[in-house]
Amino acid sequence: MAEIKFDIIKNFGALSESPKGWKKELNYISWNAREAKYDIRDWAPEYAKMGKGITLTKEELKKLRDLLNDMDL
């Protein structure tokens, strides 16, 4: 399996942290030297490993924001 390269351009913060120290974070990341996108996923300490996540364009992130704002939480 090919190595996945990433560059975290901006970390917006952690949404949660597991007892094992993994954090679910919102980041602005460039994957494999491509255009950066917004990304929500679990990360092991020191970014040694990553879990499954979701990557969003700016437009998708805005739509998600709008959907969340319309929800009665």
Protein backbone atom coordinates (compact mmCIF):
# COMPACT_ATOMS: atom_id res chain seq x y z
CA MET A 1 0.00 0.00 0.00
CA ALA A 2 1.37 3.42 -0.95
CA GLU A 3 2.33 5.84 1.79
CA ILE A 4 -0.16 8.66 2.32
CA LYS A 5 1.50 12.03 2.77
CA PHE A 6 -0.22 14.90 4.51
CA ASP A 7 0.55 18.44 5.58
CA ILE A 8 -1.67 19.93 8.27
CA ILE A 9 -1.84 23.58 7.27
CA LYS A 10 -4.16 24.66 10.07
CA ASN A 11 -5.59 22.89 13.09
CA PHE A 12 -8.95 24.34 14.12
CA GLY A 13 -9.24 22.21 17.25
CA ALA A 14 -10.31 18.92 18.74
CA LEU A 15 -13.94 17.80 18.86
CA SER A 16 -13.30 14.97 21.31
CA GLU A 17 -10.59 12.75 22.82
CA SER A 18 -10.74 9.01 23.47
CA PRO A 19 -9.39 7.35 26.63
CA LYS A 20 -6.45 6.10 24.51
CA GLY A 21 -5.49 9.67 23.58
CA TRP A 22 -6.81 9.73 20.02
CA LYS A 23 -8.37 13.07 19.11
CA LYS A 24 -11.11 13.79 16.60
CA GLU A 25 -9.96 17.05 14.98
CA LEU A 26 -11.00 19.56 12.36
CA ASN A 27 -7.97 20.43 10.23
CA TYR A 28 -7.15 22.09 6.92
CA ILE A 29 -4.94 19.47 5.24
CA SER A 30 -3.12 18.96 1.97
CA TRP A 31 -3.17 15.25 1.04
CA ASN A 32 -0.37 13.97 -1.20
CA ALA A 33 0.66 17.55 -2.16
CA ARG A 34 -2.82 18.33 -3.54
CA GLU A 35 -5.01 21.35 -2.85
CA ALA A 36 -5.85 21.57 0.84
CA LYS A 37 -9.31 20.62 2.10
CA TYR A 38 -11.12 20.61 5.42
CA ASP A 39 -10.87 17.31 7.22
CA ILE A 40 -12.52 15.69 10.25
CA ARG A 41 -10.92 12.47 11.51
CA ASP A 42 -9.37 10.70 14.50
CA TRP A 43 -5.64 11.08 15.07
CA ALA A 44 -3.31 9.14 17.35
CA PRO A 45 -0.94 11.14 19.56
CA GLU A 46 1.79 12.91 17.58
CA TYR A 47 -0.19 12.19 14.37
CA ALA A 48 1.47 8.75 14.25
CA LYS A 49 -1.70 7.11 12.89
CA MET A 50 -5.05 8.24 11.54
CA GLY A 51 -8.54 6.84 11.57
CA LYS A 52 -11.23 7.05 8.94
CA GLY A 53 -12.58 10.50 8.34
CA ILE A 54 -14.33 12.88 6.01
CA THR A 55 -12.75 15.48 3.74
CA LEU A 56 -14.74 18.51 2.65
CA THR A 57 -14.30 21.35 0.19
CA LYS A 58 -14.96 24.88 1.40
CA GLU A 59 -18.40 24.79 -0.22
CA GLU A 60 -19.26 21.48 1.44
CA LEU A 61 -18.10 22.80 4.82
CA LYS A 62 -20.31 25.88 4.41
CA LYS A 63 -23.29 23.65 3.55
CA LEU A 64 -22.58 21.48 6.60
CA ARG A 65 -22.45 24.63 8.76
CA ASP A 66 -25.81 25.74 7.36
CA LEU A 67 -27.37 22.33 7.99
CA LEU A 68 -26.07 22.28 11.56
CA ASN A 69 -27.33 25.82 12.19
CA ASP A 70 -30.81 24.73 11.05
CA MET A 71 -30.88 21.78 13.45
CA ASP A 72 -32.58 22.02 16.83
CA LEU A 73 -29.84 20.57 19.02
